[in-house]
Amino acid sequence: MGNHIMEEVVGHAKEHAGAHELAWHTSVWPLLMSVGILFLAPLAFAFYFVYQNPLLAAISLGIGAPLTIISIAGWVKEGFEDEHHYSEGHSIWAMPIFILAEALLFVGFFAAYWVLRLTQPSWPPQGTPEMPLLIPIIMTIVLVSSSVTIHFAEKRLEEDDRSGFTTWLIITIALGALFLGFTGFEWNELWHEGFTPKTNVYSTAFFSLTGFHGSHVLVGLAIFLCALIPALAGKISKPYVTAASMYWHFVDIVWFFVVSQVYFW
């Protein structure tokens, strides 16, 4: 009798374990994306600015950009193929940890800028043109507006208004793209004035901080696209949208530090 009970307990335990094994989701795309980002950002940056090797920087970009794009496409494809795995996950709990790690990276950039700023005999250094103030103000308004629109998108999703959610998400993406457009326009104007990352310590800090923030805006747009494409096919992951919104609000908050330090201080 005792043996029979034990066999039943072991059998139930195996079934329970088997169910968990079936529910466990694995994917190769996060790993590939990490490798792509490694080549796309730090390695390309180091090859160009630290080792002064444009060829290796171009090769690194040539490896990183396709890997990142392919990984995003593969991840979205998984969402189409497996609605169960797309609709559930730990993204809400993982995103604050990721945000904390990114915040510490920004702290490093700001600390370097403050050291440069406070140890220079005069600021801005020689060779710095008069920085435009209207463009960063407009960029701030655009980015804050995008935080409002993604909040509206979440509200529509909570009300099961999928059409309204998609509309507000598209508006958010458009505002984020407009922000990047202003960044590109400003960089182009400064570059033509001879103000490049090599001009002086301020230019190095300026392009590093605004570029690092711009890369986060680009990642945020990619995250939103990974929500929009399945949404257009009728698949929406509420946890994913919540996590994406958290990331976007973080990007918005960081911009206030960037714009106040590099433009108005």
Protein backbone atom coordinates (compact mmCIF):
# COMPACT_ATOMS: atom_id res chain seq x y z
CA MET A 1 0.00 0.00 0.00
CA GLY A 2 2.82 2.36 0.97
CA ASN A 3 4.68 1.64 -2.25
CA HIS A 4 1.54 2.34 -4.27
CA ILE A 5 1.09 5.75 -2.60
CA MET A 6 4.72 6.59 -3.20
CA GLU A 7 4.42 5.67 -6.87
CA GLU A 8 1.38 7.94 -7.18
CA VAL A 9 3.20 10.84 -5.52
CA VAL A 10 6.24 10.38 -7.78
CA GLY A 11 4.00 10.11 -10.82
CA HIS A 12 2.18 13.35 -9.97
CA ALA A 13 5.51 15.07 -9.32
CA LYS A 14 6.79 14.00 -12.73
CA GLU A 15 3.61 15.21 -14.43
CA HIS A 16 3.88 18.53 -12.61
CA ALA A 17 7.53 18.88 -13.59
CA GLY A 18 6.73 17.92 -17.17
CA ALA A 19 4.03 20.59 -17.33
CA HIS A 20 6.53 23.20 -16.17
CA GLU A 21 9.05 22.02 -18.73
CA LEU A 22 6.47 22.41 -21.46
CA ALA A 23 5.61 25.93 -20.25
CA TRP A 24 9.25 27.03 -20.09
CA HIS A 25 10.06 29.19 -23.08
CA THR A 26 13.53 29.46 -24.54
CA SER A 27 14.66 31.68 -27.38
CA VAL A 28 17.92 32.32 -29.18
CA TRP A 29 16.98 35.88 -30.19
CA PRO A 30 17.86 37.69 -26.92
CA LEU A 31 21.38 36.22 -27.06
CA LEU A 32 21.85 37.18 -30.72
CA MET A 33 20.51 40.66 -30.02
CA SER A 34 23.00 41.09 -27.17
CA VAL A 35 25.85 40.11 -29.50
CA GLY A 36 24.51 42.50 -32.15
CA ILE A 37 24.32 45.39 -29.69
CA LEU A 38 27.84 44.58 -28.49
CA PHE A 39 29.18 45.05 -32.02
CA LEU A 40 26.82 47.92 -32.80
CA ALA A 41 27.64 50.18 -29.86
CA PRO A 42 30.66 49.64 -27.58
CA LEU A 43 32.96 47.85 -30.03
CA ALA A 44 32.29 50.21 -32.95
CA PHE A 45 32.65 53.19 -30.59
CA ALA A 46 35.93 51.89 -29.18
CA PHE A 47 37.40 51.04 -32.58
CA TYR A 48 36.64 54.50 -33.96
CA PHE A 49 37.29 56.83 -31.01
CA VAL A 50 39.78 54.91 -28.87
CA TYR A 51 41.82 52.93 -31.39
CA GLN A 52 41.33 55.37 -34.32
CA ASN A 53 40.51 52.53 -36.71
CA PRO A 54 37.55 53.45 -38.98
CA LEU A 55 37.80 50.16 -40.89
CA LEU A 56 37.28 47.99 -37.80
CA ALA A 57 34.51 50.37 -36.67
CA ALA A 58 32.74 49.93 -40.04
CA ILE A 59 33.15 46.14 -39.87
CA SER A 60 31.75 46.14 -36.33
CA LEU A 61 28.75 48.19 -37.45
CA GLY A 62 28.32 45.88 -40.43
CA ILE A 63 28.09 42.91 -38.08
CA GLY A 64 26.08 44.54 -35.31
CA ALA A 65 23.35 46.29 -37.30
CA PRO A 66 22.15 43.23 -39.27
CA LEU A 67 22.33 41.00 -36.18
CA THR A 68 20.24 43.45 -34.17
CA ILE A 69 17.63 43.88 -36.91
CA ILE A 70 17.42 40.12 -37.55
CA SER A 71 17.03 39.46 -33.82
CA ILE A 72 14.18 41.97 -33.52
CA ALA A 73 12.46 40.41 -36.53
CA GLY A 74 12.93 36.90 -35.11
CA TRP A 75 11.57 37.89 -31.73
CA VAL A 76 8.49 39.49 -33.28
CA LYS A 77 8.00 36.38 -35.44
CA GLU A 78 7.99 34.25 -32.29
CA GLY A 79 5.24 36.45 -30.94
CA PHE A 80 3.14 35.77 -34.02
CA GLU A 81 3.71 32.03 -33.85
CA ASP A 82 3.14 31.50 -30.12
CA GLU A 83 0.44 33.71 -28.64
CA HIS A 84 0.71 32.02 -25.22
CA HIS A 85 4.38 32.86 -24.82
CA TYR A 86 3.85 36.34 -26.23
CA SER A 87 0.99 37.17 -23.86
CA GLU A 88 2.79 36.03 -20.71
CA GLY A 89 6.21 36.70 -19.29
CA HIS A 90 8.27 38.42 -16.64
CA SER A 91 8.91 41.63 -18.57
CA ILE A 92 7.17 43.84 -15.98
CA TRP A 93 9.51 42.62 -13.24
CA ALA A 94 12.61 42.48 -15.43
CA MET A 95 12.26 46.00 -16.86
CA PRO A 96 12.95 47.90 -13.57
CA ILE A 97 16.18 45.89 -13.18
CA PHE A 98 17.18 46.73 -16.74
CA ILE A 99 16.31 50.40 -16.18
CA LEU A 100 18.46 50.48 -13.05
CA ALA A 101 21.43 49.11 -15.02
CA GLU A 102 20.91 51.71 -17.76
CA ALA A 103 20.56 54.49 -15.19
CA LEU A 104 23.95 53.57 -13.75
CA LEU A 105 25.48 53.82 -17.23
CA PHE A 106 24.07 57.33 -17.56
CA VAL A 107 25.45 58.18 -14.11
CA GLY A 108 28.90 57.26 -15.43
CA PHE A 109 28.49 59.57 -18.42
CA PHE A 110 27.24 62.45 -16.25
CA ALA A 111 30.03 61.97 -13.70
CA ALA A 112 32.62 62.23 -16.49
CA TYR A 113 30.90 65.36 -17.81
CA TRP A 114 30.80 67.00 -14.37
CA VAL A 115 34.50 66.30 -13.83
CA LEU A 116 35.32 67.88 -17.19
CA ARG A 117 32.97 70.79 -16.61
CA LEU A 118 34.21 71.65 -13.12
CA THR A 119 37.94 71.27 -13.78
CA GLN A 120 38.15 73.52 -16.84
CA PRO A 121 39.42 77.08 -16.34
CA SER A 122 36.71 78.38 -18.70
CA TRP A 123 33.54 76.92 -20.17
CA PRO A 124 32.65 76.25 -22.91
CA PRO A 125 36.17 75.56 -24.25
CA GLN A 126 37.60 77.35 -27.24
CA GLY A 127 36.15 76.19 -30.56
CA THR A 128 32.62 75.71 -29.25
CA PRO A 129 29.96 77.50 -31.34
CA GLU A 130 26.92 79.10 -29.76
CA MET A 131 24.65 76.21 -28.91
CA PRO A 132 21.05 76.42 -30.18
CA LEU A 133 18.46 76.62 -27.41
CA LEU A 134 15.21 76.54 -29.38
CA ILE A 135 15.78 73.05 -30.82
CA PRO A 136 16.34 71.32 -27.44
CA ILE A 137 13.22 73.04 -26.07
CA ILE A 138 11.17 71.73 -29.00
CA MET A 139 12.75 68.28 -28.55
CA THR A 140 11.76 68.33 -24.88
CA ILE A 141 8.15 69.19 -25.74
CA VAL A 142 8.08 66.38 -28.34
CA LEU A 143 9.49 63.78 -25.96
CA VAL A 144 7.21 64.76 -23.07
CA SER A 145 4.25 64.60 -25.46
CA SER A 146 5.27 61.06 -26.42
CA SER A 147 5.17 60.03 -22.76
CA VAL A 148 1.62 61.38 -22.59
CA THR A 149 0.55 59.54 -25.73
CA ILE A 150 1.94 56.18 -24.57
CA HIS A 151 -0.01 56.70 -21.33
CA PHE A 152 -3.15 57.21 -23.41
CA ALA A 153 -2.32 54.05 -25.34
CA GLU A 154 -2.10 52.07 -22.08
CA LYS A 155 -5.43 53.47 -20.95
CA ARG A 156 -7.09 52.41 -24.19
CA LEU A 157 -5.60 48.94 -23.79
CA GLU A 158 -6.98 48.67 -20.25
CA GLU A 159 -10.40 49.54 -21.67
CA ASP A 160 -9.96 46.83 -24.36
CA ASP A 161 -10.05 49.53 -27.03
CA ARG A 162 -7.52 47.90 -29.34
CA SER A 163 -8.05 50.36 -32.16
CA GLY A 164 -7.48 53.30 -29.83
CA PHE A 165 -4.39 51.62 -28.41
CA THR A 166 -2.91 51.13 -31.87
CA THR A 167 -3.64 54.75 -32.83
CA TRP A 168 -1.96 56.22 -29.76
CA LEU A 169 0.97 53.83 -30.11
CA ILE A 170 1.53 54.96 -33.69
CA ILE A 171 1.41 58.60 -32.55
CA THR A 172 4.00 57.79 -29.87
CA ILE A 173 6.28 56.17 -32.42
CA ALA A 174 5.89 59.17 -34.73
CA LEU A 175 6.84 61.57 -31.93
CA GLY A 176 9.87 59.47 -31.02
CA ALA A 177 10.96 59.43 -34.66
CA LEU A 178 10.48 63.22 -34.81
CA PHE A 179 12.72 63.58 -31.76
CA LEU A 180 15.46 61.57 -33.49
CA GLY A 181 14.95 63.69 -36.59
CA PHE A 182 15.65 66.85 -34.59
CA THR A 183 18.74 65.19 -33.12
CA GLY A 184 20.03 64.34 -36.59
CA PHE A 185 19.28 67.85 -37.86
CA GLU A 186 21.09 69.46 -34.94
CA TRP A 187 24.10 67.17 -35.26
CA ASN A 188 24.31 67.93 -38.99
CA GLU A 189 24.23 71.69 -38.39
CA LEU A 190 26.90 71.52 -35.68
CA TRP A 191 29.06 69.22 -37.79
CA HIS A 192 28.99 71.70 -40.68
CA GLU A 193 30.11 74.41 -38.26
CA GLY A 194 33.18 72.32 -37.47
CA PHE A 195 31.89 71.14 -34.11
CA THR A 196 32.63 67.39 -34.03
CA PRO A 197 33.37 64.88 -31.24
CA LYS A 198 37.09 65.71 -31.69
CA THR A 199 36.78 69.50 -31.38
CA ASN A 200 37.24 69.75 -27.59
CA VAL A 201 36.24 68.08 -24.32
CA TYR A 202 32.79 69.66 -24.43
CA SER A 203 32.06 68.35 -27.92
CA THR A 204 33.13 64.87 -26.84
CA ALA A 205 30.81 65.01 -23.85
CA PHE A 206 28.00 66.59 -25.88
CA PHE A 207 27.95 64.00 -28.65
CA SER A 208 28.47 61.14 -26.17
CA LEU A 209 25.56 62.15 -23.93
CA THR A 210 23.10 63.12 -26.67
CA GLY A 211 24.14 60.13 -28.79
CA PHE A 212 23.82 57.68 -25.91
CA HIS A 213 20.38 59.05 -25.11
CA GLY A 214 19.41 58.97 -28.80
CA SER A 215 20.39 55.30 -28.96
CA HIS A 216 17.96 54.64 -26.11
CA VAL A 217 15.21 56.46 -28.00
CA LEU A 218 15.98 54.25 -31.01
CA VAL A 219 15.77 51.11 -28.84
CA GLY A 220 12.47 52.38 -27.42
CA LEU A 221 11.06 52.79 -30.92
CA ALA A 222 12.16 49.24 -31.77
CA ILE A 223 10.39 47.99 -28.62
CA PHE A 224 7.23 49.82 -29.64
CA LEU A 225 7.42 48.37 -33.15
CA CYS A 226 7.61 44.91 -31.57
CA ALA A 227 4.30 45.75 -29.89
CA LEU A 228 2.72 47.45 -32.91
CA ILE A 229 3.33 44.74 -35.52
CA PRO A 230 1.59 41.95 -33.52
CA ALA A 231 -1.12 44.43 -32.46
CA LEU A 232 -1.97 45.06 -36.11
CA ALA A 233 -2.46 41.29 -36.40
CA GLY A 234 -4.75 41.26 -33.34
CA LYS A 235 -2.18 40.09 -30.75
CA ILE A 236 -1.41 42.40 -27.84
CA SER A 237 0.66 41.58 -24.76
CA LYS A 238 -0.39 43.85 -21.89
CA PRO A 239 2.69 43.00 -19.75
CA TYR A 240 4.93 43.80 -22.71
CA VAL A 241 3.21 47.15 -23.30
CA THR A 242 3.50 48.03 -19.60
CA ALA A 243 7.23 47.23 -19.62
CA ALA A 244 7.73 49.19 -22.85
CA SER A 245 5.94 52.19 -21.34
CA MET A 246 8.15 52.03 -18.24
CA TYR A 247 11.25 52.10 -20.44
CA TRP A 248 9.96 55.05 -22.46
CA HIS A 249 9.18 57.10 -19.33
CA PHE A 250 12.74 56.39 -18.16
CA VAL A 251 14.13 57.68 -21.46
CA ASP A 252 11.98 60.79 -21.05
CA ILE A 253 13.22 61.46 -17.50
CA VAL A 254 16.87 61.00 -18.49
CA TRP A 255 16.44 63.58 -21.24
CA PHE A 256 15.69 66.28 -18.63
CA PHE A 257 19.14 65.62 -17.14
CA VAL A 258 20.79 65.63 -20.57
CA VAL A 259 19.16 68.81 -21.80
CA SER A 260 19.70 70.72 -18.54
CA GLN A 261 23.39 69.78 -18.34
CA VAL A 262 24.70 70.02 -21.91
CA TYR A 263 22.57 72.94 -23.13
CA PHE A 264 21.61 75.15 -20.18
CA TRP A 265 24.48 74.77 -17.71
